[in-house]
Structures are given as structure tokens and as C-alpha cells.
Amino acid sequence: MNRAPAPRRNSSASLRRALAIVDFVRASPAGSGGATLTEVAENVGVNKSTVLRLSVPLVEYGLLTRDPRSGRFRLGTAALTLWQAYLDDMELRSVASDHLRDLMRRTGHTCHLVLLDGHDVVYVDKVENTATVRMASRIGARMPAYRTAVGRAILAFCPDDLVEDVVAAGLPAVTARTVTDPAVLAGELRRVRERGYAIDDRENEPEVRCVAAPVFDHNRDPVAAISVSSLVSRLPVVEVRRLGPEVAAVAARISAELGGGQVEAASSAGRGG
């Protein structure tokens, strides 16, 4: 008599939960020492025994580590290895690299390259003038798109439904100057389309100004943005107005190398914040 095969655990559900664990640990605040077992279980929506079971292969593979004293989970070195492999294989980063370095030398300010991921931007390259003030940004960091110049540079050319999703998710303030009104944000995005670049005047960090422009691929889709950032003491409003068209021109050259076209700005005057 043939026995029916034993039911197998839903491997797809287990994989999703394991990935959710990794993602929650990734999002743990800097300086927290990682996520506790209780925090992971509550936020992923599983019991502690499930977290422990799913974390075993994650730790073995090196995607997570667990402190033997505190029991807190942190990202492991395999996560860095995967991220580096992703960056090494990215044509965009390779194409933009020399342009960012040239822009940093000409402006004397820190330059970034970011991608849009959901409602956030992810920093994938950074060129810093180490002779001046160092910026706190880092490769791999995420920021909400609505309150950054790089994010708005991309959102301005995205489909309306994506922008609506960003607004629906909320526009909380992090500084006194953060745009939190959907109508004001819509006006900012319209100005980005008109002039070809975006400005963040102390909206994401209280003492930082940023000028950014979108990068387009061969389908004319906004796939990234580049920026120039510095402390307000080193980047006055008049300099922001001068840098805007320059940053937009560099972004257009990167777009051209990717097979994309240029953005025709209706006005090069722009606002200084």
C-alpha cells in the first residue's frame, strides 16, 4: 500500500518571512546594535521560535549575524558582498563615475548618484572632496524621495500614480523646512520639469543644501539622479542657482551615454530654495 507523501512546509512562505527578517534587521536604526528577537518577531508577524528557525540558514550564509551576548541580529558580511556585486555589475554607476568625479572637482562639493526604490532613494555612489567638510551620507543609505532633491528630480518625471502613492504614504517633516503639503510638492515637481533640476534647501537635513538632476535611460524613463550637496555655509543660494544648470547638463551627458535624451528645461532661472 502506497503512503501519501508527507505534507511539505510552504517553502515560498518561509522564504518571504526570511527575507522580511533580513529587511527588518537592515532597517534597524544606526547605533542601536541591531534588532532583538522580540522586535523581529513582532514586526515580521511570527513567533520567536519561527524567527530562530529561519535565522539559522541566514546566519550560516552570512546574511545575518547574532551577537552571542545581547542576542541582537545585525546584517552579516554576505549582505555587503551581494551589494558590492550589484554595484560592480551596474552599468549606470560605471557610466556616471567619471562624470561625478569631474563634477566634484569643478564644484568642490560632494556628489551623489541615487536610484529610486519604491518611495525611497538609495545612494549607490558618492564622490567626496575630503579636503573640505565631510558629508554624513553613505552608499547604501535610503531616504524618502519627497524630501530630497535627488528624489524629487526623479519623481518629477515619474507616472502620476507613483507620485500619488508617495503622497498617500505620508509626508512627515524632519526639519522646519520639509515640504509636507501635497499641493506644494506638486508645485515643486512642476518647477523641476520646467528648469531641469531640483533643490533641497534644508528639507532633509537642517544644515544641508542640495541640487539634483534626473538621469534617463534609453526608454526615456527616469532611472536615477545625480546631485551636488554641501553645508549651507558653503553653498549659498546664489551658488545653488548657478549650479542647477551645470548639474542638469552633467545628468544629460550621463543620460546620453545610456541612450537617453536630454530634458529641455522651460526656464533656467530656477529658485534658490
C-alpha atoms as a PDB file:
ATOM      1  CA  MET A   1       0.000   0.000   0.000  1.00  0.00           C
ATOM      2  CA  ASN A   2       1.437   3.357  -1.048  1.00  0.00           C
ATOM      3  CA  ARG A   3       1.585   6.041   1.550  1.00  0.00           C
ATOM      4  CA  ALA A   4       0.659   9.570   0.676  1.00  0.00           C
ATOM      5  CA  PRO A   5       3.698  11.862   0.768  1.00  0.00           C
ATOM      6  CA  ALA A   6       4.081  13.869   3.932  1.00  0.00           C
ATOM      7  CA  PRO A   7       2.939  17.484   3.514  1.00  0.00           C
ATOM      8  CA  ARG A   8       5.859  19.815   2.957  1.00  0.00           C
ATOM      9  CA  ARG A   9       6.302  23.148   4.638  1.00  0.00           C
ATOM     10  CA  ASN A  10       5.396  26.025   2.345  1.00  0.00           C
ATOM     11  CA  SER A  11       8.905  26.970   1.259  1.00  0.00           C
ATOM     12  CA  SER A  12       7.698  30.098  -0.534  1.00  0.00           C
ATOM     13  CA  ALA A  13       6.089  31.454   2.650  1.00  0.00           C
ATOM     14  CA  SER A  14       9.211  30.600   4.639  1.00  0.00           C
ATOM     15  CA  LEU A  15      11.400  32.395   2.130  1.00  0.00           C
ATOM     16  CA  ARG A  16       9.227  35.501   2.283  1.00  0.00           C
ATOM     17  CA  ARG A  17       9.414  35.511   6.068  1.00  0.00           C
ATOM     18  CA  ALA A  18      13.178  35.027   5.994  1.00  0.00           C
ATOM     19  CA  LEU A  19      13.538  37.934   3.589  1.00  0.00           C
ATOM     20  CA  ALA A  20      11.253  40.032   5.788  1.00  0.00           C
ATOM     21  CA  ILE A  21      13.559  39.283   8.732  1.00  0.00           C
ATOM     22  CA  VAL A  22      16.591  40.434   6.754  1.00  0.00           C
ATOM     23  CA  ASP A  23      14.772  43.581   5.634  1.00  0.00           C
ATOM     24  CA  PHE A  24      13.677  44.458   9.174  1.00  0.00           C
ATOM     25  CA  VAL A  25      17.192  43.973  10.515  1.00  0.00           C
ATOM     26  CA  ARG A  26      18.526  46.129   7.676  1.00  0.00           C
ATOM     27  CA  ALA A  27      16.174  48.926   8.699  1.00  0.00           C
ATOM     28  CA  SER A  28      17.315  48.924  12.329  1.00  0.00           C
ATOM     29  CA  PRO A  29      18.452  52.414  13.386  1.00  0.00           C
ATOM     30  CA  ALA A  30      22.164  53.103  13.207  1.00  0.00           C
ATOM     31  CA  GLY A  31      23.788  52.786  16.610  1.00  0.00           C
ATOM     32  CA  SER A  32      21.055  50.531  18.002  1.00  0.00           C
ATOM     33  CA  GLY A  33      23.285  47.470  17.973  1.00  0.00           C
ATOM     34  CA  GLY A  34      20.798  45.591  15.807  1.00  0.00           C
ATOM     35  CA  ALA A  35      17.317  44.140  16.296  1.00  0.00           C
ATOM     36  CA  THR A  36      16.245  41.978  19.233  1.00  0.00           C
ATOM     37  CA  LEU A  37      14.495  38.653  18.813  1.00  0.00           C
ATOM     38  CA  THR A  38      11.288  40.163  20.200  1.00  0.00           C
ATOM     39  CA  GLU A  39      11.440  43.150  17.835  1.00  0.00           C
ATOM     40  CA  VAL A  40      11.941  40.921  14.815  1.00  0.00           C
ATOM     41  CA  ALA A  41       9.109  38.566  15.783  1.00  0.00           C
ATOM     42  CA  GLU A  42       6.641  41.389  16.442  1.00  0.00           C
ATOM     43  CA  ASN A  43       7.416  43.332  13.294  1.00  0.00           C
ATOM     44  CA  VAL A  44       7.571  40.356  10.937  1.00  0.00           C
ATOM     45  CA  GLY A  45       4.433  38.891  12.468  1.00  0.00           C
ATOM     46  CA  VAL A  46       5.727  35.472  13.524  1.00  0.00           C
ATOM     47  CA  ASN A  47       6.583  33.866  16.846  1.00  0.00           C
ATOM     48  CA  LYS A  48      10.088  33.819  18.274  1.00  0.00           C
ATOM     49  CA  SER A  49      10.652  30.132  17.525  1.00  0.00           C
ATOM     50  CA  THR A  50       9.945  30.798  13.836  1.00  0.00           C
ATOM     51  CA  VAL A  51      12.448  33.665  13.813  1.00  0.00           C
ATOM     52  CA  LEU A  52      15.070  31.420  15.378  1.00  0.00           C
ATOM     53  CA  ARG A  53      14.376  28.625  12.868  1.00  0.00           C
ATOM     54  CA  LEU A  54      14.502  30.932   9.833  1.00  0.00           C
ATOM     55  CA  SER A  55      17.546  32.806  11.078  1.00  0.00           C
ATOM     56  CA  VAL A  56      19.741  29.687  11.234  1.00  0.00           C
ATOM     57  CA  PRO A  57      20.455  29.479   7.461  1.00  0.00           C
ATOM     58  CA  LEU A  58      20.630  33.283   7.248  1.00  0.00           C
ATOM     59  CA  VAL A  59      23.385  33.305   9.865  1.00  0.00           C
ATOM     60  CA  GLU A  60      25.126  30.294   8.292  1.00  0.00           C
ATOM     61  CA  TYR A  61      25.150  32.025   4.913  1.00  0.00           C
ATOM     62  CA  GLY A  62      26.373  35.275   6.462  1.00  0.00           C
ATOM     63  CA  LEU A  63      23.375  37.449   5.630  1.00  0.00           C
ATOM     64  CA  LEU A  64      22.819  37.944   9.363  1.00  0.00           C
ATOM     65  CA  THR A  65      24.936  37.772  12.485  1.00  0.00           C
ATOM     66  CA  ARG A  66      23.717  37.386  16.049  1.00  0.00           C
ATOM     67  CA  ASP A  67      25.580  38.843  18.998  1.00  0.00           C
ATOM     68  CA  PRO A  68      26.214  35.996  21.459  1.00  0.00           C
ATOM     69  CA  ARG A  69      25.790  38.309  24.470  1.00  0.00           C
ATOM     70  CA  SER A  70      22.911  40.624  23.545  1.00  0.00           C
ATOM     71  CA  GLY A  71      21.188  38.258  21.121  1.00  0.00           C
ATOM     72  CA  ARG A  72      20.644  41.129  18.689  1.00  0.00           C
ATOM     73  CA  PHE A  73      20.587  40.496  14.941  1.00  0.00           C
ATOM     74  CA  ARG A  74      22.637  42.563  12.518  1.00  0.00           C
ATOM     75  CA  LEU A  75      23.433  42.303   8.823  1.00  0.00           C
ATOM     76  CA  GLY A  76      26.319  39.985   8.026  1.00  0.00           C
ATOM     77  CA  THR A  77      29.196  40.349   5.585  1.00  0.00           C
ATOM     78  CA  ALA A  78      27.364  38.385   2.876  1.00  0.00           C
ATOM     79  CA  ALA A  79      24.897  41.276   2.589  1.00  0.00           C
ATOM     80  CA  LEU A  80      27.816  43.594   1.821  1.00  0.00           C
ATOM     81  CA  THR A  81      29.208  41.110  -0.702  1.00  0.00           C
ATOM     82  CA  LEU A  82      25.876  40.933  -2.544  1.00  0.00           C
ATOM     83  CA  TRP A  83      25.557  44.723  -2.520  1.00  0.00           C
ATOM     84  CA  GLN A  84      29.084  45.149  -3.892  1.00  0.00           C
ATOM     85  CA  ALA A  85      28.418  42.587  -6.625  1.00  0.00           C
ATOM     86  CA  TYR A  86      25.281  44.510  -7.556  1.00  0.00           C
ATOM     87  CA  LEU A  87      27.201  47.789  -7.743  1.00  0.00           C
ATOM     88  CA  ASP A  88      30.024  46.233  -9.774  1.00  0.00           C
ATOM     89  CA  ASP A  89      27.510  44.958 -12.334  1.00  0.00           C
ATOM     90  CA  MET A  90      25.661  48.270 -12.630  1.00  0.00           C
ATOM     91  CA  GLU A  91      26.233  49.953 -15.981  1.00  0.00           C
ATOM     92  CA  LEU A  92      24.743  53.198 -14.705  1.00  0.00           C
ATOM     93  CA  ARG A  93      27.270  53.501 -11.884  1.00  0.00           C
ATOM     94  CA  SER A  94      30.126  52.818 -14.277  1.00  0.00           C
ATOM     95  CA  VAL A  95      28.900  55.394 -16.784  1.00  0.00           C
ATOM     96  CA  ALA A  96      28.295  58.042 -14.128  1.00  0.00           C
ATOM     97  CA  SER A  97      31.524  57.542 -12.186  1.00  0.00           C
ATOM     98  CA  ASP A  98      33.862  59.809 -14.190  1.00  0.00           C
ATOM     99  CA  HIS A  99      31.163  62.472 -14.550  1.00  0.00           C
ATOM    100  CA  LEU A 100      30.654  62.567 -10.767  1.00  0.00           C
ATOM    101  CA  ARG A 101      34.368  62.896 -10.140  1.00  0.00           C
ATOM    102  CA  ASP A 102      34.684  65.697 -12.660  1.00  0.00           C
ATOM    103  CA  LEU A 103      31.674  67.474 -11.150  1.00  0.00           C
ATOM    104  CA  MET A 104      33.179  67.198  -7.661  1.00  0.00           C
ATOM    105  CA  ARG A 105      36.477  68.675  -8.871  1.00  0.00           C
ATOM    106  CA  ARG A 106      34.730  71.597 -10.585  1.00  0.00           C
ATOM    107  CA  THR A 107      32.366  72.429  -7.732  1.00  0.00           C
ATOM    108  CA  GLY A 108      34.361  71.365  -4.680  1.00  0.00           C
ATOM    109  CA  HIS A 109      31.216  69.765  -3.227  1.00  0.00           C
ATOM    110  CA  THR A 110      30.156  66.183  -2.513  1.00  0.00           C
ATOM    111  CA  CYS A 111      28.396  64.478  -5.434  1.00  0.00           C
ATOM    112  CA  HIS A 112      25.956  61.564  -5.284  1.00  0.00           C
ATOM    113  CA  LEU A 113      24.288  59.062  -7.578  1.00  0.00           C
ATOM    114  CA  VAL A 114      20.971  57.578  -6.413  1.00  0.00           C
ATOM    115  CA  LEU A 115      18.291  55.175  -7.606  1.00  0.00           C
ATOM    116  CA  LEU A 116      14.576  55.245  -6.829  1.00  0.00           C
ATOM    117  CA  ASP A 117      13.380  52.193  -4.897  1.00  0.00           C
ATOM    118  CA  GLY A 118       9.699  52.317  -4.037  1.00  0.00           C
ATOM    119  CA  HIS A 119       9.084  55.590  -2.198  1.00  0.00           C
ATOM    120  CA  ASP A 120      12.759  55.993  -1.284  1.00  0.00           C
ATOM    121  CA  VAL A 121      16.029  56.849  -2.958  1.00  0.00           C
ATOM    122  CA  VAL A 122      19.070  54.627  -2.423  1.00  0.00           C
ATOM    123  CA  TYR A 123      22.571  56.103  -2.607  1.00  0.00           C
ATOM    124  CA  VAL A 124      24.716  53.961  -4.920  1.00  0.00           C
ATOM    125  CA  ASP A 125      27.772  56.203  -5.380  1.00  0.00           C
ATOM    126  CA  LYS A 126      29.383  59.118  -3.591  1.00  0.00           C
ATOM    127  CA  VAL A 127      32.365  61.265  -4.535  1.00  0.00           C
ATOM    128  CA  GLU A 128      33.578  63.431  -1.699  1.00  0.00           C
ATOM    129  CA  ASN A 129      36.058  66.272  -1.531  1.00  0.00           C
ATOM    130  CA  THR A 130      37.933  65.060   1.544  1.00  0.00           C
ATOM    131  CA  ALA A 131      39.777  68.370   1.842  1.00  0.00           C
ATOM    132  CA  THR A 132      36.545  70.069   2.912  1.00  0.00           C
ATOM    133  CA  VAL A 133      33.646  69.206   5.207  1.00  0.00           C
ATOM    134  CA  ARG A 134      32.675  65.516   5.047  1.00  0.00           C
ATOM    135  CA  MET A 135      29.016  64.694   4.435  1.00  0.00           C
ATOM    136  CA  ALA A 136      27.169  62.144   6.562  1.00  0.00           C
ATOM    137  CA  SER A 137      25.594  60.363   3.558  1.00  0.00           C
ATOM    138  CA  ARG A 138      26.784  56.842   2.739  1.00  0.00           C
ATOM    139  CA  ILE A 139      26.454  54.343  -0.086  1.00  0.00           C
ATOM    140  CA  GLY A 140      23.518  52.041   0.579  1.00  0.00           C
ATOM    141  CA  ALA A 141      21.614  54.586   2.671  1.00  0.00           C
ATOM    142  CA  ARG A 142      17.922  55.186   1.981  1.00  0.00           C
ATOM    143  CA  MET A 143      15.969  58.422   2.222  1.00  0.00           C
ATOM    144  CA  PRO A 144      12.322  59.267   1.469  1.00  0.00           C
ATOM    145  CA  ALA A 145      12.186  60.659  -2.061  1.00  0.00           C
ATOM    146  CA  TYR A 146       9.738  63.507  -1.342  1.00  0.00           C
ATOM    147  CA  ARG A 147      12.083  65.445   0.922  1.00  0.00           C
ATOM    148  CA  THR A 148      15.325  65.127  -1.097  1.00  0.00           C
ATOM    149  CA  ALA A 149      16.427  66.925  -4.233  1.00  0.00           C
ATOM    150  CA  VAL A 150      17.509  63.642  -5.832  1.00  0.00           C
ATOM    151  CA  GLY A 151      14.142  62.081  -5.053  1.00  0.00           C
ATOM    152  CA  ARG A 152      12.139  64.976  -6.465  1.00  0.00           C
ATOM    153  CA  ALA A 153      14.361  65.111  -9.539  1.00  0.00           C
ATOM    154  CA  ILE A 154      13.205  61.558 -10.323  1.00  0.00           C
ATOM    155  CA  LEU A 155       9.596  61.879  -9.118  1.00  0.00           C
ATOM    156  CA  ALA A 156       9.033  64.908 -11.354  1.00  0.00           C
ATOM    157  CA  PHE A 157       9.249  62.642 -14.402  1.00  0.00           C
ATOM    158  CA  CYS A 158       7.539  59.563 -12.944  1.00  0.00           C
ATOM    159  CA  PRO A 159       3.934  58.498 -13.645  1.00  0.00           C
ATOM    160  CA  ASP A 160       1.300  60.358 -11.651  1.00  0.00           C
ATOM    161  CA  ASP A 161       0.156  57.212  -9.842  1.00  0.00           C
ATOM    162  CA  LEU A 162       3.611  56.719  -8.321  1.00  0.00           C
ATOM    163  CA  VAL A 163       3.654  60.287  -7.018  1.00  0.00           C
ATOM    164  CA  GLU A 164       0.143  59.770  -5.651  1.00  0.00           C
ATOM    165  CA  ASP A 165       1.357  56.651  -3.818  1.00  0.00           C
ATOM    166  CA  VAL A 166       4.233  58.631  -2.289  1.00  0.00           C
ATOM    167  CA  VAL A 167       1.832  61.329  -1.090  1.00  0.00           C
ATOM    168  CA  ALA A 168      -0.630  58.748   0.247  1.00  0.00           C
ATOM    169  CA  ALA A 169       2.157  57.157   2.307  1.00  0.00           C
ATOM    170  CA  GLY A 170       2.593  60.468   4.151  1.00  0.00           C
ATOM    171  CA  LEU A 171       4.899  63.488   4.032  1.00  0.00           C
ATOM    172  CA  PRO A 172       6.138  63.861   7.611  1.00  0.00           C
ATOM    173  CA  ALA A 173       8.509  66.714   8.408  1.00  0.00           C
ATOM    174  CA  VAL A 174      12.064  66.105   9.624  1.00  0.00           C
ATOM    175  CA  THR A 175      13.126  69.757   9.598  1.00  0.00           C
ATOM    176  CA  ALA A 176      11.241  73.045   9.834  1.00  0.00           C
ATOM    177  CA  ARG A 177      11.563  73.413   6.041  1.00  0.00           C
ATOM    178  CA  THR A 178      10.359  69.978   4.902  1.00  0.00           C
ATOM    179  CA  VAL A 179       7.526  70.183   2.346  1.00  0.00           C
ATOM    180  CA  THR A 180       4.532  68.378   3.847  1.00  0.00           C
ATOM    181  CA  ASP A 181       1.704  69.828   1.735  1.00  0.00           C
ATOM    182  CA  PRO A 182       0.850  67.700  -1.350  1.00  0.00           C
ATOM    183  CA  ALA A 183      -0.051  70.836  -3.324  1.00  0.00           C
ATOM    184  CA  VAL A 184       3.312  72.428  -2.543  1.00  0.00           C
ATOM    185  CA  LEU A 185       5.102  69.213  -3.505  1.00  0.00           C
ATOM    186  CA  ALA A 186       3.191  69.136  -6.800  1.00  0.00           C
ATOM    187  CA  GLY A 187       4.342  72.702  -7.456  1.00  0.00           C
ATOM    188  CA  GLU A 188       7.947  71.742  -6.700  1.00  0.00           C
ATOM    189  CA  LEU A 189       7.777  68.822  -9.129  1.00  0.00           C
ATOM    190  CA  ARG A 190       6.349  71.108 -11.807  1.00  0.00           C
ATOM    191  CA  ARG A 191       9.264  73.512 -11.328  1.00  0.00           C
ATOM    192  CA  VAL A 192      11.716  70.613 -11.641  1.00  0.00           C
ATOM    193  CA  ARG A 193      10.202  69.745 -15.018  1.00  0.00           C
ATOM    194  CA  GLU A 194      10.414  73.379 -16.118  1.00  0.00           C
ATOM    195  CA  ARG A 195      14.030  74.053 -15.194  1.00  0.00           C
ATOM    196  CA  GLY A 196      15.531  70.521 -15.320  1.00  0.00           C
ATOM    197  CA  TYR A 197      16.819  70.307 -11.739  1.00  0.00           C
ATOM    198  CA  ALA A 198      15.578  70.055  -8.150  1.00  0.00           C
ATOM    199  CA  ILE A 199      16.577  71.843  -4.949  1.00  0.00           C
ATOM    200  CA  ASP A 200      16.555  70.671  -1.341  1.00  0.00           C
ATOM    201  CA  ASP A 201      17.068  73.690   0.891  1.00  0.00           C
ATOM    202  CA  ARG A 202      17.479  72.205   4.400  1.00  0.00           C
ATOM    203  CA  GLU A 203      14.429  69.941   3.999  1.00  0.00           C
ATOM    204  CA  ASN A 204      16.155  66.625   4.709  1.00  0.00           C
ATOM    205  CA  GLU A 205      18.959  67.849   6.966  1.00  0.00           C
ATOM    206  CA  PRO A 206      18.789  71.208   8.767  1.00  0.00           C
ATOM    207  CA  GLU A 207      22.181  72.487   7.586  1.00  0.00           C
ATOM    208  CA  VAL A 208      22.461  70.939   4.107  1.00  0.00           C
ATOM    209  CA  ARG A 209      21.546  72.231   0.650  1.00  0.00           C
ATOM    210  CA  CYS A 210      21.430  70.008  -2.394  1.00  0.00           C
ATOM    211  CA  VAL A 211      20.955  70.447  -6.158  1.00  0.00           C
ATOM    212  CA  ALA A 212      19.987  67.406  -8.248  1.00  0.00           C
ATOM    213  CA  ALA A 213      19.017  66.440 -11.793  1.00  0.00           C
ATOM    214  CA  PRO A 214      17.450  63.301 -13.273  1.00  0.00           C
ATOM    215  CA  VAL A 215      19.177  60.663 -15.395  1.00  0.00           C
ATOM    216  CA  PHE A 216      17.168  58.917 -18.141  1.00  0.00           C
ATOM    217  CA  ASP A 217      17.696  55.543 -19.792  1.00  0.00           C
ATOM    218  CA  HIS A 218      17.209  54.604 -23.454  1.00  0.00           C
ATOM    219  CA  ASN A 219      13.445  54.388 -22.885  1.00  0.00           C
ATOM    220  CA  ARG A 220      13.419  57.962 -21.570  1.00  0.00           C
ATOM    221  CA  ASP A 221      12.484  56.655 -18.132  1.00  0.00           C
ATOM    222  CA  PRO A 222      13.962  58.462 -15.091  1.00  0.00           C
ATOM    223  CA  VAL A 223      16.231  55.766 -13.649  1.00  0.00           C
ATOM    224  CA  ALA A 224      18.455  57.801 -11.341  1.00  0.00           C
ATOM    225  CA  ALA A 225      19.566  61.241 -10.247  1.00  0.00           C
ATOM    226  CA  ILE A 226      22.867  62.948  -9.512  1.00  0.00           C
ATOM    227  CA  SER A 227      23.410  65.726  -7.002  1.00  0.00           C
ATOM    228  CA  VAL A 228      25.776  68.270  -5.519  1.00  0.00           C
ATOM    229  CA  SER A 229      25.461  68.684  -1.739  1.00  0.00           C
ATOM    230  CA  SER A 230      27.106  70.815   0.901  1.00  0.00           C
ATOM    231  CA  LEU A 231      26.542  72.704   4.133  1.00  0.00           C
ATOM    232  CA  VAL A 232      24.525  75.907   3.719  1.00  0.00           C
ATOM    233  CA  SER A 233      27.565  77.903   4.814  1.00  0.00           C
ATOM    234  CA  ARG A 234      29.459  76.597   1.788  1.00  0.00           C
ATOM    235  CA  LEU A 235      26.551  76.519  -0.683  1.00  0.00           C
ATOM    236  CA  PRO A 236      24.731  79.884  -0.630  1.00  0.00           C
ATOM    237  CA  VAL A 237      21.520  80.485  -2.566  1.00  0.00           C
ATOM    238  CA  VAL A 238      23.267  82.338  -5.387  1.00  0.00           C
ATOM    239  CA  GLU A 239      25.574  79.340  -5.882  1.00  0.00           C
ATOM    240  CA  VAL A 240      22.583  76.986  -5.968  1.00  0.00           C
ATOM    241  CA  ARG A 241      21.126  78.979  -8.861  1.00  0.00           C
ATOM    242  CA  ARG A 242      24.428  78.803 -10.731  1.00  0.00           C
ATOM    243  CA  LEU A 243      24.968  75.094 -10.097  1.00  0.00           C
ATOM    244  CA  GLY A 244      21.483  73.969 -11.147  1.00  0.00           C
ATOM    245  CA  PRO A 245      22.015  74.157 -14.914  1.00  0.00           C
ATOM    246  CA  GLU A 246      25.520  72.696 -14.539  1.00  0.00           C
ATOM    247  CA  VAL A 247      24.244  69.653 -12.639  1.00  0.00           C
ATOM    248  CA  ALA A 248      21.447  69.248 -15.207  1.00  0.00           C
ATOM    249  CA  ALA A 249      23.990  69.353 -18.039  1.00  0.00           C
ATOM    250  CA  VAL A 250      26.097  66.621 -16.425  1.00  0.00           C
ATOM    251  CA  ALA A 251      22.997  64.482 -15.874  1.00  0.00           C
ATOM    252  CA  ALA A 252      22.099  64.959 -19.541  1.00  0.00           C
ATOM    253  CA  ARG A 253      25.537  63.732 -20.614  1.00  0.00           C
ATOM    254  CA  ILE A 254      25.135  60.613 -18.465  1.00  0.00           C
ATOM    255  CA  SER A 255      21.671  60.077 -19.973  1.00  0.00           C
ATOM    256  CA  ALA A 256      23.134  60.397 -23.472  1.00  0.00           C
ATOM    257  CA  GLU A 257      25.715  57.701 -22.727  1.00  0.00           C
ATOM    258  CA  LEU A 258      22.891  55.440 -21.526  1.00  0.00           C
ATOM    259  CA  GLY A 259      20.975  56.084 -24.747  1.00  0.00           C
ATOM    260  CA  GLY A 260      18.544  58.561 -23.214  1.00  0.00           C
ATOM    261  CA  GLY A 261      17.834  62.093 -24.331  1.00  0.00           C
ATOM    262  CA  GLN A 262      18.124  65.433 -22.619  1.00  0.00           C
ATOM    263  CA  VAL A 263      15.456  67.229 -20.631  1.00  0.00           C
ATOM    264  CA  GLU A 264      14.525  70.565 -22.136  1.00  0.00           C
ATOM    265  CA  ALA A 265      14.002  72.954 -19.239  1.00  0.00           C
ATOM    266  CA  ALA A 266      11.416  75.649 -19.883  1.00  0.00           C
ATOM    267  CA  SER A 267      13.376  78.008 -17.672  1.00  0.00           C
ATOM    268  CA  SER A 268      16.953  78.065 -16.468  1.00  0.00           C
ATOM    269  CA  ALA A 269      16.324  80.698 -13.821  1.00  0.00           C
ATOM    270  CA  GLY A 270      15.088  78.431 -11.043  1.00  0.00           C
ATOM    271  CA  ARG A 271      14.508  79.215  -7.421  1.00  0.00           C
ATOM    272  CA  GLY A 272      17.235  79.337  -4.837  1.00  0.00           C
ATOM    273  CA  GLY A 273      15.208  77.423  -2.299  1.00  0.00           C
END
